[in-house]
């Protein structure tokens, strides 16, 4: 099962509340920000550490293209 998480600033709380879902998932795409966009937002390192502690591993990091810019960046 594929899991996608795109919850601005609250992904860690969602993941903590979904242990059975994480056990069933075979792969996941989780959107995180490496810069502060929202007050109190989850830290990308905290989300990564949480998942690694559950046995997940980070396979890749992608920069999301920014809309309206040539080449997406």
PDB file of N, CA and C in Angstrom:
ATOM      1  N   UNK A   1       0.836  -1.169   0.000  1.00  0.00           N
ATOM      2  CA  UNK A   1       0.000   0.000   0.000  1.00  0.00           C
ATOM      3  C   UNK A   1       0.888   1.242   0.000  1.00  0.00           C
ATOM      4  N   UNK A   2       0.515   2.210  -0.789  1.00  0.00           N
ATOM      5  CA  UNK A   2       1.229   3.475  -0.898  1.00  0.00           C
ATOM      6  C   UNK A   2       0.578   4.502   0.030  1.00  0.00           C
ATOM      7  N   UNK A   3       1.398   5.262   0.752  1.00  0.00           N
ATOM      8  CA  UNK A   3       0.913   6.294   1.661  1.00  0.00           C
ATOM      9  C   UNK A   3       1.462   7.638   1.217  1.00  0.00           C
ATOM     10  N   UNK A   4       0.591   8.627   1.100  1.00  0.00           N
ATOM     11  CA  UNK A   4       1.009   9.990   0.800  1.00  0.00           C
ATOM     12  C   UNK A   4       0.512  10.893   1.914  1.00  0.00           C
ATOM     13  N   UNK A   5       1.422  11.726   2.447  1.00  0.00           N
ATOM     14  CA  UNK A   5       1.057  12.661   3.509  1.00  0.00           C
ATOM     15  C   UNK A   5       1.432  14.064   3.040  1.00  0.00           C
ATOM     16  N   UNK A   6       0.433  14.928   2.937  1.00  0.00           N
ATOM     17  CA  UNK A   6       0.629  16.325   2.554  1.00  0.00           C
ATOM     18  C   UNK A   6      -0.268  17.166   3.457  1.00  0.00           C
ATOM     19  N   UNK A   7       0.152  17.296   4.699  1.00  0.00           N
ATOM     20  CA  UNK A   7      -0.615  18.053   5.686  1.00  0.00           C
ATOM     21  C   UNK A   7       0.281  19.168   6.204  1.00  0.00           C
ATOM     22  N   UNK A   8       0.082  20.393   5.733  1.00  0.00           N
ATOM     23  CA  UNK A   8       0.992  21.490   6.060  1.00  0.00           C
ATOM     24  C   UNK A   8       1.268  21.637   7.560  1.00  0.00           C
ATOM     25  N   UNK A   9       2.495  21.284   7.941  1.00  0.00           N
ATOM     26  CA  UNK A   9       2.948  21.506   9.294  1.00  0.00           C
ATOM     27  C   UNK A   9       2.499  20.524  10.352  1.00  0.00           C
ATOM     28  N   UNK A  10       1.677  19.528   9.991  1.00  0.00           N
ATOM     29  CA  UNK A  10       1.127  18.621  11.005  1.00  0.00           C
ATOM     30  C   UNK A  10       1.332  17.145  10.681  1.00  0.00           C
ATOM     31  N   UNK A  11       2.249  16.839   9.793  1.00  0.00           N
ATOM     32  CA  UNK A  11       2.463  15.462   9.370  1.00  0.00           C
ATOM     33  C   UNK A  11       2.874  14.523  10.489  1.00  0.00           C
ATOM     34  N   UNK A  12       3.668  15.000  11.429  1.00  0.00           N
ATOM     35  CA  UNK A  12       4.139  14.140  12.509  1.00  0.00           C
ATOM     36  C   UNK A  12       2.986  13.680  13.393  1.00  0.00           C
ATOM     37  N   UNK A  13       2.095  14.573  13.733  1.00  0.00           N
ATOM     38  CA  UNK A  13       0.928  14.195  14.548  1.00  0.00           C
ATOM     39  C   UNK A  13       0.076  13.172  13.811  1.00  0.00           C
ATOM     40  N   UNK A  14      -0.098  13.364  12.513  1.00  0.00           N
ATOM     41  CA  UNK A  14      -0.872  12.414  11.722  1.00  0.00           C
ATOM     42  C   UNK A  14      -0.210  11.041  11.731  1.00  0.00           C
ATOM     43  N   UNK A  15       1.101  11.003  11.527  1.00  0.00           N
ATOM     44  CA  UNK A  15       1.828   9.736  11.498  1.00  0.00           C
ATOM     45  C   UNK A  15       1.798   9.037  12.858  1.00  0.00           C
ATOM     46  N   UNK A  16       1.945   9.800  13.927  1.00  0.00           N
ATOM     47  CA  UNK A  16       1.893   9.217  15.273  1.00  0.00           C
ATOM     48  C   UNK A  16       0.523   8.604  15.560  1.00  0.00           C
ATOM     49  N   UNK A  17      -0.501   9.163  14.958  1.00  0.00           N
ATOM     50  CA  UNK A  17      -1.853   8.674  15.183  1.00  0.00           C
ATOM     51  C   UNK A  17      -2.275   7.553  14.246  1.00  0.00           C
ATOM     52  N   UNK A  18      -1.363   7.084  13.419  1.00  0.00           N
ATOM     53  CA  UNK A  18      -1.719   6.073  12.420  1.00  0.00           C
ATOM     54  C   UNK A  18      -0.751   4.885  12.433  1.00  0.00           C
ATOM     55  N   UNK A  19      -0.500   4.266  13.595  1.00  0.00           N
ATOM     56  CA  UNK A  19       0.487   3.177  13.629  1.00  0.00           C
ATOM     57  C   UNK A  19       0.101   1.975  12.777  1.00  0.00           C
ATOM     58  N   UNK A  20      -1.169   1.625  12.721  1.00  0.00           N
ATOM     59  CA  UNK A  20      -1.587   0.462  11.917  1.00  0.00           C
ATOM     60  C   UNK A  20      -1.424   0.749  10.431  1.00  0.00           C
ATOM     61  N   UNK A  21      -1.722   1.962  10.046  1.00  0.00           N
ATOM     62  CA  UNK A  21      -1.547   2.351   8.650  1.00  0.00           C
ATOM     63  C   UNK A  21      -0.074   2.284   8.252  1.00  0.00           C
ATOM     64  N   UNK A  22       0.806   2.749   9.131  1.00  0.00           N
ATOM     65  CA  UNK A  22       2.237   2.695   8.843  1.00  0.00           C
ATOM     66  C   UNK A  22       2.749   1.266   8.765  1.00  0.00           C
ATOM     67  N   UNK A  23       2.165   0.367   9.532  1.00  0.00           N
ATOM     68  CA  UNK A  23       2.571  -1.042   9.472  1.00  0.00           C
ATOM     69  C   UNK A  23       2.156  -1.679   8.157  1.00  0.00           C
ATOM     70  N   UNK A  24       1.046  -1.246   7.587  1.00  0.00           N
ATOM     71  CA  UNK A  24       0.535  -1.827   6.336  1.00  0.00           C
ATOM     72  C   UNK A  24       1.190  -1.229   5.100  1.00  0.00           C
ATOM     73  N   UNK A  25       1.652   0.001   5.193  1.00  0.00           N
ATOM     74  CA  UNK A  25       2.206   0.683   4.024  1.00  0.00           C
ATOM     75  C   UNK A  25       3.544   0.064   3.614  1.00  0.00           C
ATOM     76  N   UNK A  26       3.756  -0.012   2.317  1.00  0.00           N
ATOM     77  CA  UNK A  26       5.015  -0.526   1.796  1.00  0.00           C
ATOM     78  C   UNK A  26       5.959   0.599   1.382  1.00  0.00           C
ATOM     79  N   UNK A  27       5.402   1.753   1.051  1.00  0.00           N
ATOM     80  CA  UNK A  27       6.204   2.922   0.731  1.00  0.00           C
ATOM     81  C   UNK A  27       5.362   4.174   0.963  1.00  0.00           C
ATOM     82  N   UNK A  28       6.052   5.308   1.099  1.00  0.00           N
ATOM     83  CA  UNK A  28       5.351   6.543   1.430  1.00  0.00           C
ATOM     84  C   UNK A  28       6.041   7.744   0.813  1.00  0.00           C
ATOM     85  N   UNK A  29       5.244   8.732   0.498  1.00  0.00           N
ATOM     86  CA  UNK A  29       5.736  10.046   0.109  1.00  0.00           C
ATOM     87  C   UNK A  29       5.192  11.009   1.154  1.00  0.00           C
ATOM     88  N   UNK A  30       6.093  11.680   1.842  1.00  0.00           N
ATOM     89  CA  UNK A  30       5.690  12.571   2.923  1.00  0.00           C
ATOM     90  C   UNK A  30       6.282  13.943   2.653  1.00  0.00           C
ATOM     91  N   UNK A  31       5.416  14.918   2.447  1.00  0.00           N
ATOM     92  CA  UNK A  31       5.882  16.264   2.164  1.00  0.00           C
ATOM     93  C   UNK A  31       6.293  16.942   3.464  1.00  0.00           C
ATOM     94  N   UNK A  32       7.515  17.446   3.485  1.00  0.00           N
ATOM     95  CA  UNK A  32       8.033  18.177   4.639  1.00  0.00           C
ATOM     96  C   UNK A  32       8.696  19.454   4.139  1.00  0.00           C
ATOM     97  N   UNK A  33       8.892  20.383   5.043  1.00  0.00           N
ATOM     98  CA  UNK A  33       9.584  21.618   4.694  1.00  0.00           C
ATOM     99  C   UNK A  33      10.864  21.709   5.503  1.00  0.00           C
ATOM    100  N   UNK A  34      11.916  22.153   4.867  1.00  0.00           N
ATOM    101  CA  UNK A  34      13.192  22.337   5.546  1.00  0.00           C
ATOM    102  C   UNK A  34      13.370  23.781   6.010  1.00  0.00           C
ATOM    103  N   UNK A  35      12.375  24.606   5.743  1.00  0.00           N
ATOM    104  CA  UNK A  35      12.364  25.989   6.216  1.00  0.00           C
ATOM    105  C   UNK A  35      11.037  26.238   6.920  1.00  0.00           C
ATOM    106  N   UNK A  36      11.047  27.143   7.865  1.00  0.00           N
ATOM    107  CA  UNK A  36       9.827  27.437   8.611  1.00  0.00           C
ATOM    108  C   UNK A  36       8.810  28.197   7.774  1.00  0.00           C
ATOM    109  N   UNK A  37       7.659  27.587   7.571  1.00  0.00           N
ATOM    110  CA  UNK A  37       6.575  28.230   6.830  1.00  0.00           C
ATOM    111  C   UNK A  37       5.395  28.547   7.730  1.00  0.00           C
ATOM    112  N   UNK A  38       5.221  27.752   8.780  1.00  0.00           N
ATOM    113  CA  UNK A  38       4.083  27.881   9.684  1.00  0.00           C
ATOM    114  C   UNK A  38       4.585  27.894  11.120  1.00  0.00           C
ATOM    115  N   UNK A  39       3.936  28.662  11.950  1.00  0.00           N
ATOM    116  CA  UNK A  39       4.281  28.665  13.364  1.00  0.00           C
ATOM    117  C   UNK A  39       3.977  27.294  13.961  1.00  0.00           C
ATOM    118  N   UNK A  40       4.949  26.706  14.637  1.00  0.00           N
ATOM    119  CA  UNK A  40       4.760  25.411  15.279  1.00  0.00           C
ATOM    120  C   UNK A  40       4.775  24.222  14.339  1.00  0.00           C
ATOM    121  N   UNK A  41       5.228  24.407  13.106  1.00  0.00           N
ATOM    122  CA  UNK A  41       5.222  23.307  12.148  1.00  0.00           C
ATOM    123  C   UNK A  41       6.206  22.215  12.549  1.00  0.00           C
ATOM    124  N   UNK A  42       5.951  21.007  12.076  1.00  0.00           N
ATOM    125  CA  UNK A  42       6.841  19.883  12.333  1.00  0.00           C
ATOM    126  C   UNK A  42       8.183  20.106  11.651  1.00  0.00           C
ATOM    127  N   UNK A  43       9.213  19.626  12.282  1.00  0.00           N
ATOM    128  CA  UNK A  43      10.556  19.701  11.741  1.00  0.00           C
ATOM    129  C   UNK A  43      10.803  18.472  10.868  1.00  0.00           C
ATOM    130  N   UNK A  44      11.396  18.654   9.696  1.00  0.00           N
ATOM    131  CA  UNK A  44      11.660  17.539   8.786  1.00  0.00           C
ATOM    132  C   UNK A  44      12.505  16.469   9.459  1.00  0.00           C
ATOM    133  N   UNK A  45      13.468  16.874  10.269  1.00  0.00           N
ATOM    134  CA  UNK A  45      14.330  15.905  10.960  1.00  0.00           C
ATOM    135  C   UNK A  45      13.532  15.075  11.969  1.00  0.00           C
ATOM    136  N   UNK A  46      12.579  15.700  12.646  1.00  0.00           N
ATOM    137  CA  UNK A  46      11.757  14.963  13.616  1.00  0.00           C
ATOM    138  C   UNK A  46      10.890  13.909  12.927  1.00  0.00           C
ATOM    139  N   UNK A  47      10.337  14.261  11.773  1.00  0.00           N
ATOM    140  CA  UNK A  47       9.525  13.303  11.017  1.00  0.00           C
ATOM    141  C   UNK A  47      10.395  12.151  10.538  1.00  0.00           C
ATOM    142  N   UNK A  48      11.574  12.471  10.012  1.00  0.00           N
ATOM    143  CA  UNK A  48      12.485  11.435   9.535  1.00  0.00           C
ATOM    144  C   UNK A  48      12.906  10.510  10.672  1.00  0.00           C
ATOM    145  N   UNK A  49      13.269  11.074  11.801  1.00  0.00           N
ATOM    146  CA  UNK A  49      13.685  10.271  12.958  1.00  0.00           C
ATOM    147  C   UNK A  49      12.553   9.368  13.425  1.00  0.00           C
ATOM    148  N   UNK A  50      11.350   9.886  13.483  1.00  0.00           N
ATOM    149  CA  UNK A  50      10.193   9.096  13.894  1.00  0.00           C
ATOM    150  C   UNK A  50      10.028   7.875  12.992  1.00  0.00           C
ATOM    151  N   UNK A  51      10.115   8.089  11.689  1.00  0.00           N
ATOM    152  CA  UNK A  51       9.926   6.985  10.751  1.00  0.00           C
ATOM    153  C   UNK A  51      11.090   5.994  10.790  1.00  0.00           C
ATOM    154  N   UNK A  52      12.304   6.478  10.906  1.00  0.00           N
ATOM    155  CA  UNK A  52      13.471   5.593  10.998  1.00  0.00           C
ATOM    156  C   UNK A  52      13.370   4.727  12.252  1.00  0.00           C
ATOM    157  N   UNK A  53      12.920   5.301  13.347  1.00  0.00           N
ATOM    158  CA  UNK A  53      12.753   4.541  14.586  1.00  0.00           C
ATOM    159  C   UNK A  53      11.720   3.420  14.435  1.00  0.00           C
ATOM    160  N   UNK A  54      10.812   3.564  13.475  1.00  0.00           N
ATOM    161  CA  UNK A  54       9.815   2.524  13.203  1.00  0.00           C
ATOM    162  C   UNK A  54      10.298   1.507  12.161  1.00  0.00           C
ATOM    163  N   UNK A  55      11.528   1.697  11.681  1.00  0.00           N
ATOM    164  CA  UNK A  55      12.069   0.753  10.716  1.00  0.00           C
ATOM    165  C   UNK A  55      12.018   1.218   9.268  1.00  0.00           C
ATOM    166  N   UNK A  56      11.505   2.412   9.029  1.00  0.00           N
ATOM    167  CA  UNK A  56      11.487   2.961   7.681  1.00  0.00           C
ATOM    168  C   UNK A  56      12.875   3.488   7.349  1.00  0.00           C
ATOM    169  N   UNK A  57      13.146   3.678   6.057  1.00  0.00           N
ATOM    170  CA  UNK A  57      14.406   4.304   5.666  1.00  0.00           C
ATOM    171  C   UNK A  57      14.143   5.350   4.594  1.00  0.00           C
ATOM    172  N   UNK A  58      14.933   6.389   4.645  1.00  0.00           N
ATOM    173  CA  UNK A  58      14.826   7.476   3.684  1.00  0.00           C
ATOM    174  C   UNK A  58      15.481   7.035   2.387  1.00  0.00           C
ATOM    175  N   UNK A  59      14.722   7.074   1.308  1.00  0.00           N
ATOM    176  CA  UNK A  59      15.249   6.633   0.013  1.00  0.00           C
ATOM    177  C   UNK A  59      15.642   7.799  -0.879  1.00  0.00           C
ATOM    178  N   UNK A  60      14.946   8.923  -0.753  1.00  0.00           N
ATOM    179  CA  UNK A  60      15.233  10.061  -1.627  1.00  0.00           C
ATOM    180  C   UNK A  60      14.631  11.329  -1.048  1.00  0.00           C
ATOM    181  N   UNK A  61      15.212  12.449  -1.452  1.00  0.00           N
ATOM    182  CA  UNK A  61      14.683  13.768  -1.111  1.00  0.00           C
ATOM    183  C   UNK A  61      14.526  14.515  -2.422  1.00  0.00           C
ATOM    184  N   UNK A  62      13.342  15.038  -2.647  1.00  0.00           N
ATOM    185  CA  UNK A  62      13.062  15.769  -3.880  1.00  0.00           C
ATOM    186  C   UNK A  62      12.655  17.190  -3.543  1.00  0.00           C
ATOM    187  N   UNK A  63      13.098  18.119  -4.367  1.00  0.00           N
ATOM    188  CA  UNK A  63      12.631  19.496  -4.223  1.00  0.00           C
ATOM    189  C   UNK A  63      11.364  19.641  -5.047  1.00  0.00           C
ATOM    190  N   UNK A  64      10.353  20.159  -4.436  1.00  0.00           N
ATOM    191  CA  UNK A  64       9.088  20.351  -5.135  1.00  0.00           C
ATOM    192  C   UNK A  64       9.219  21.571  -6.044  1.00  0.00           C
ATOM    193  N   UNK A  65       8.880  21.415  -7.325  1.00  0.00           N
ATOM    194  CA  UNK A  65       8.955  22.552  -8.249  1.00  0.00           C
ATOM    195  C   UNK A  65       8.049  23.693  -7.791  1.00  0.00           C
ATOM    196  N   UNK A  66       8.533  24.903  -7.933  1.00  0.00           N
ATOM    197  CA  UNK A  66       7.751  26.078  -7.577  1.00  0.00           C
ATOM    198  C   UNK A  66       6.976  26.522  -8.808  1.00  0.00           C
ATOM    199  N   UNK A  67       5.692  26.733  -8.625  1.00  0.00           N
ATOM    200  CA  UNK A  67       4.822  27.101  -9.746  1.00  0.00           C
ATOM    201  C   UNK A  67       5.214  28.450 -10.330  1.00  0.00           C
ATOM    202  N   UNK A  68       5.089  28.548 -11.642  1.00  0.00           N
ATOM    203  CA  UNK A  68       5.302  29.812 -12.316  1.00  0.00           C
ATOM    204  C   UNK A  68       6.738  30.162 -12.632  1.00  0.00           C
ATOM    205  N   UNK A  69       7.672  29.268 -12.339  1.00  0.00           N
ATOM    206  CA  UNK A  69       9.079  29.547 -12.649  1.00  0.00           C
ATOM    207  C   UNK A  69       9.541  28.625 -13.768  1.00  0.00           C
ATOM    208  N   UNK A  70      10.350  29.136 -14.682  1.00  0.00           N
ATOM    209  CA  UNK A  70      10.857  28.278 -15.766  1.00  0.00           C
ATOM    210  C   UNK A  70      11.565  27.049 -15.203  1.00  0.00           C
ATOM    211  N   UNK A  71      11.259  25.913 -15.730  1.00  0.00           N
ATOM    212  CA  UNK A  71      11.877  24.682 -15.242  1.00  0.00           C
ATOM    213  C   UNK A  71      11.354  24.271 -13.896  1.00  0.00           C
ATOM    214  N   UNK A  72      10.377  25.000 -13.374  1.00  0.00           N
ATOM    215  CA  UNK A  72       9.786  24.673 -12.098  1.00  0.00           C
ATOM    216  C   UNK A  72      10.548  25.229 -10.911  1.00  0.00           C
ATOM    217  N   UNK A  73      11.713  25.872 -11.128  1.00  0.00           N
ATOM    218  CA  UNK A  73      12.508  26.352  -9.980  1.00  0.00           C
ATOM    219  C   UNK A  73      12.746  27.831 -10.045  1.00  0.00           C
TER     220      UNK A  73
END
